[in-house]
Amino acid sequence: MTLDLSDEDKKYILNEYLRNISDISNKRYQERVWILGEGPEVDDFDESVCHFFDDGDPILKKYRDYNITESQYLLLKQFRDKFKAFSKEHDFPEEFIDTPEWARIMEMANEVLVAFDYKKSAIRRQILDSFLENLSGISDKEYLQKAWIEGKEADFDESVCLFFDLGDPILENHKEFGITESQYLLLKQFRDEFKTFSKEHDLPEEFIDTPEWARIMEMAKEVLVAFDYQN
């Protein structure tokens, strides 16, 4: 039985695969997690190897389905073959982590990440996550009561500034952030509505119980659902 994967599923699988390659490229991570066993990550060399091949081999077999270019595929396959040979001969990172052979593996892993623009993508994901986290706060009346009115966290002005400082560049470059057309349209609609509201209102204690603000929170939740965001 063949499992049909959505584009979002494929994007997620590829990202997890590249994240594992990022760990393979990162000596500090390996020393901290693989050798010293320090968290919060729970991982070791064997797990990284298993994930690499379990996730990667199906991707390589159908690489075009994952929007992987021919040059990316060839680079990835070259790395896969090299890493397979290495992992068959080595088991203990404390024994190989300082060797020239492992240095070459890390170098090749980094070349793959560059080819996939992974580090820039990771930064974009962090920006989008921060934006959605702020939006989640805007959608949560209980949080707003504590934060904006009781003054326990960010105030309304800070949330507004953060929304537009992060949101406008995201909207302008939405394709680079992996945002679909339907997500973009929903987000833009909310942005326009929120911009109008924030220009006309300053004091959350005066508007938090109004129907207009209830509508803003409802629209924010609709955006979060569209982005499958869970805080």
Protein backbone atom coordinates (compact mmCIF):
# COMPACT_ATOMS: atom_id res chain seq x y z
CA MET A 1 0.00 0.00 0.00
CA THR A 2 1.43 3.36 -1.06
CA LEU A 3 0.85 6.30 1.24
CA ASP A 4 -0.01 9.49 -0.61
CA LEU A 5 1.83 12.40 0.94
CA SER A 6 0.65 15.97 0.69
CA ASP A 7 3.03 18.75 -0.30
CA GLU A 8 3.09 19.85 3.34
CA ASP A 9 3.99 16.31 4.43
CA LYS A 10 6.85 16.21 1.94
CA LYS A 11 8.09 19.61 3.03
CA TYR A 12 8.06 18.48 6.66
CA ILE A 13 9.86 15.20 5.90
CA LEU A 14 12.53 16.96 3.85
CA ASN A 15 13.04 19.56 6.56
CA GLU A 16 13.45 16.88 9.23
CA TYR A 17 15.95 15.12 7.00
CA LEU A 18 17.94 18.33 6.52
CA ARG A 19 17.76 19.05 10.24
CA ASN A 20 19.43 15.71 10.88
CA ILE A 21 22.11 16.55 8.33
CA SER A 22 22.56 19.86 10.14
CA ASP A 23 23.29 17.91 13.34
CA ILE A 24 25.78 15.77 11.41
CA SER A 25 27.52 18.96 10.28
CA ASN A 26 27.68 20.44 13.79
CA LYS A 27 30.62 19.30 15.92
CA ARG A 28 29.50 21.23 19.01
CA TYR A 29 26.12 19.51 18.88
CA GLN A 30 27.80 16.13 18.56
CA GLU A 31 30.09 16.75 21.53
CA ARG A 32 27.23 18.01 23.68
CA VAL A 33 24.52 15.52 22.70
CA TRP A 34 26.15 12.43 21.22
CA ILE A 35 29.12 12.24 23.59
CA LEU A 36 28.14 14.06 26.79
CA GLY A 37 24.44 13.24 26.56
CA GLU A 38 23.41 16.74 27.55
CA GLY A 39 19.90 17.85 26.62
CA PRO A 40 17.43 19.06 25.91
CA GLU A 41 17.82 16.95 22.75
CA VAL A 42 17.65 13.17 23.12
CA ASP A 43 19.86 11.80 20.37
CA ASP A 44 22.97 9.74 19.71
CA PHE A 45 25.04 8.74 16.70
CA ASP A 46 23.10 5.52 16.07
CA GLU A 47 19.77 7.38 16.07
CA SER A 48 21.13 9.99 13.68
CA VAL A 49 22.33 7.25 11.34
CA CYS A 50 18.98 5.45 11.44
CA HIS A 51 17.01 8.63 10.85
CA PHE A 52 19.32 9.64 8.03
CA PHE A 53 18.70 6.49 6.01
CA ASP A 54 15.09 5.90 7.07
CA ASP A 55 14.12 9.42 6.02
CA GLY A 56 16.64 9.94 3.26
CA ASP A 57 16.45 6.84 1.09
CA PRO A 58 12.74 7.29 0.25
CA ILE A 59 13.45 10.94 -0.53
CA LEU A 60 16.30 10.05 -2.87
CA LYS A 61 14.18 7.45 -4.66
CA LYS A 62 11.51 10.04 -5.45
CA TYR A 63 13.56 13.21 -5.22
CA ARG A 64 11.60 15.02 -7.92
CA ASP A 65 8.46 14.67 -5.80
CA TYR A 66 10.27 16.68 -3.13
CA ASN A 67 11.21 19.46 -5.58
CA ILE A 68 14.87 18.51 -5.32
CA THR A 69 16.93 19.64 -8.28
CA GLU A 70 19.29 17.38 -10.18
CA SER A 71 22.36 19.10 -8.73
CA GLN A 72 20.97 18.85 -5.19
CA TYR A 73 20.19 15.18 -5.76
CA LEU A 74 23.69 14.37 -6.99
CA LEU A 75 25.28 16.18 -4.04
CA LEU A 76 22.94 14.47 -1.60
CA LYS A 77 23.55 11.04 -3.10
CA GLN A 78 27.30 11.56 -2.96
CA PHE A 79 27.03 12.49 0.71
CA ARG A 80 24.72 9.55 1.39
CA ASP A 81 27.17 7.06 -0.09
CA LYS A 82 30.10 8.56 1.82
CA PHE A 83 28.16 8.62 5.09
CA LYS A 84 26.96 5.05 4.61
CA ALA A 85 30.52 3.80 4.19
CA PHE A 86 31.66 5.78 7.24
CA SER A 87 28.81 4.67 9.50
CA LYS A 88 29.47 1.02 8.67
CA GLU A 89 33.03 1.33 9.93
CA HIS A 90 32.52 3.58 12.97
CA ASP A 91 30.29 3.35 16.03
CA PHE A 92 31.67 5.61 18.75
CA PRO A 93 31.77 9.37 18.13
CA GLU A 94 34.27 9.92 20.93
CA GLU A 95 36.70 7.85 18.86
CA PHE A 96 36.14 9.49 15.46
CA ILE A 97 34.96 13.04 16.13
CA ASP A 98 38.44 14.57 15.80
CA THR A 99 39.55 12.54 12.79
CA PRO A 100 40.11 13.96 9.29
CA GLU A 101 37.59 11.44 7.96
CA TRP A 102 34.83 12.83 10.15
CA ALA A 103 35.87 16.38 9.33
CA ARG A 104 35.26 15.53 5.68
CA ILE A 105 31.84 14.08 6.51
CA MET A 106 30.89 17.29 8.33
CA GLU A 107 32.20 19.38 5.44
CA MET A 108 30.11 17.41 2.94
CA ALA A 109 27.04 17.70 5.18
CA ASN A 110 27.50 21.45 5.25
CA GLU A 111 27.79 21.53 1.46
CA VAL A 112 24.42 19.79 1.25
CA LEU A 113 22.89 22.36 3.60
CA VAL A 114 24.25 25.20 1.51
CA ALA A 115 22.83 23.62 -1.65
CA PHE A 116 19.40 23.47 -0.01
CA ASP A 117 19.71 26.98 1.46
CA TYR A 118 18.91 25.30 4.78
CA LYS A 119 20.43 27.80 7.20
CA LYS A 120 18.57 30.72 5.66
CA SER A 121 15.43 28.60 5.69
CA ALA A 122 15.96 27.86 9.38
CA ILE A 123 16.21 31.58 10.11
CA ARG A 124 13.02 32.20 8.15
CA ARG A 125 11.26 29.50 10.15
CA GLN A 126 12.37 31.14 13.40
CA ILE A 127 11.02 34.49 12.20
CA LEU A 128 7.72 32.92 11.16
CA ASP A 129 7.45 31.06 14.48
CA SER A 130 8.03 34.31 16.40
CA PHE A 131 5.40 36.03 14.29
CA LEU A 132 2.85 33.27 14.87
CA GLU A 133 3.64 33.18 18.58
CA ASN A 134 2.83 36.90 18.79
CA LEU A 135 -0.33 36.30 16.78
CA SER A 136 -1.27 33.50 19.17
CA GLY A 137 -1.07 36.01 22.02
CA ILE A 138 -3.32 38.40 20.12
CA SER A 139 -5.89 35.61 19.75
CA ASP A 140 -5.92 34.69 23.45
CA LYS A 141 -8.09 36.93 25.63
CA GLU A 142 -6.92 35.38 28.89
CA TYR A 143 -3.30 36.03 27.94
CA LEU A 144 -4.12 39.59 26.86
CA GLN A 145 -5.80 40.28 30.17
CA LYS A 146 -2.63 39.32 32.03
CA ALA A 147 -0.12 40.77 29.58
CA TRP A 148 -1.67 43.96 28.29
CA ILE A 149 -3.98 45.02 31.10
CA GLU A 150 -2.31 43.64 34.22
CA GLY A 151 1.08 44.47 32.72
CA LYS A 152 2.72 41.11 33.32
CA GLU A 153 4.23 40.81 29.83
CA ALA A 154 4.34 42.75 26.55
CA ASP A 155 1.84 45.57 26.16
CA PHE A 156 -0.50 46.31 23.25
CA ASP A 157 1.90 48.72 21.54
CA GLU A 158 4.74 46.19 21.67
CA SER A 159 2.54 43.46 20.23
CA VAL A 160 1.40 45.77 17.44
CA CYS A 161 4.95 46.82 16.58
CA LEU A 162 6.18 43.22 16.61
CA PHE A 163 3.28 42.14 14.41
CA PHE A 164 4.08 44.63 11.67
CA ASP A 165 7.88 44.51 12.04
CA LEU A 166 7.83 40.75 11.45
CA GLY A 167 4.64 40.43 9.44
CA ASP A 168 5.18 42.92 6.65
CA PRO A 169 8.49 41.39 5.46
CA ILE A 170 6.90 37.93 5.70
CA LEU A 171 3.98 39.04 3.52
CA GLU A 172 6.28 40.75 1.02
CA ASN A 173 8.36 37.57 0.68
CA HIS A 174 5.71 35.00 1.51
CA LYS A 175 6.87 32.43 -1.04
CA GLU A 176 10.34 32.37 0.52
CA PHE A 177 8.69 31.57 3.85
CA GLY A 178 6.86 28.60 2.32
CA ILE A 179 3.49 30.30 2.73
CA THR A 180 0.77 29.07 0.40
CA GLU A 181 -1.46 31.42 -1.57
CA SER A 182 -4.48 30.69 0.64
CA GLN A 183 -2.43 31.30 3.81
CA TYR A 184 -1.11 34.53 2.32
CA LEU A 185 -4.58 35.84 1.46
CA LEU A 186 -5.92 35.01 4.93
CA LEU A 187 -2.91 36.59 6.62
CA LYS A 188 -3.11 39.72 4.47
CA GLN A 189 -6.81 40.07 5.24
CA PHE A 190 -6.07 39.86 8.95
CA ARG A 191 -3.14 42.26 8.64
CA ASP A 192 -5.31 44.90 6.96
CA GLU A 193 -8.07 44.49 9.53
CA PHE A 194 -5.63 44.62 12.44
CA LYS A 195 -3.87 47.67 11.01
CA THR A 196 -7.14 49.58 10.85
CA PHE A 197 -8.08 48.51 14.36
CA SER A 198 -4.71 49.37 15.90
CA LYS A 199 -4.81 52.86 14.38
CA GLU A 200 -8.15 53.56 16.04
CA HIS A 201 -7.54 51.97 19.46
CA ASP A 202 -4.82 52.42 22.05
CA LEU A 203 -6.07 51.14 25.39
CA PRO A 204 -6.86 47.41 25.62
CA GLU A 205 -8.90 47.87 28.80
CA GLU A 206 -11.32 49.91 26.68
CA PHE A 207 -11.63 47.52 23.73
CA ILE A 208 -10.92 44.01 25.00
CA ASP A 209 -14.60 43.22 25.60
CA THR A 210 -15.93 44.80 22.41
CA PRO A 211 -17.39 42.87 19.45
CA GLU A 212 -14.76 44.49 17.22
CA TRP A 213 -11.92 43.00 19.23
CA ALA A 214 -13.71 39.66 19.43
CA ARG A 215 -13.67 39.67 15.63
CA ILE A 216 -9.93 40.43 15.58
CA MET A 217 -9.25 37.50 17.91
CA GLU A 218 -11.44 35.23 15.81
CA MET A 219 -9.58 36.19 12.63
CA ALA A 220 -6.24 35.64 14.38
CA LYS A 221 -7.34 32.14 15.33
CA GLU A 222 -8.35 31.45 11.73
CA VAL A 223 -4.84 32.39 10.60
CA LEU A 224 -3.28 30.13 13.24
CA VAL A 225 -5.46 27.23 12.12
CA ALA A 226 -4.44 27.83 8.50
CA PHE A 227 -0.79 27.65 9.56
CA ASP A 228 -1.47 24.61 11.77
CA TYR A 229 0.14 26.55 14.62
CA GLN A 230 0.08 25.05 18.10
CA ASN A 231 1.75 26.89 20.95
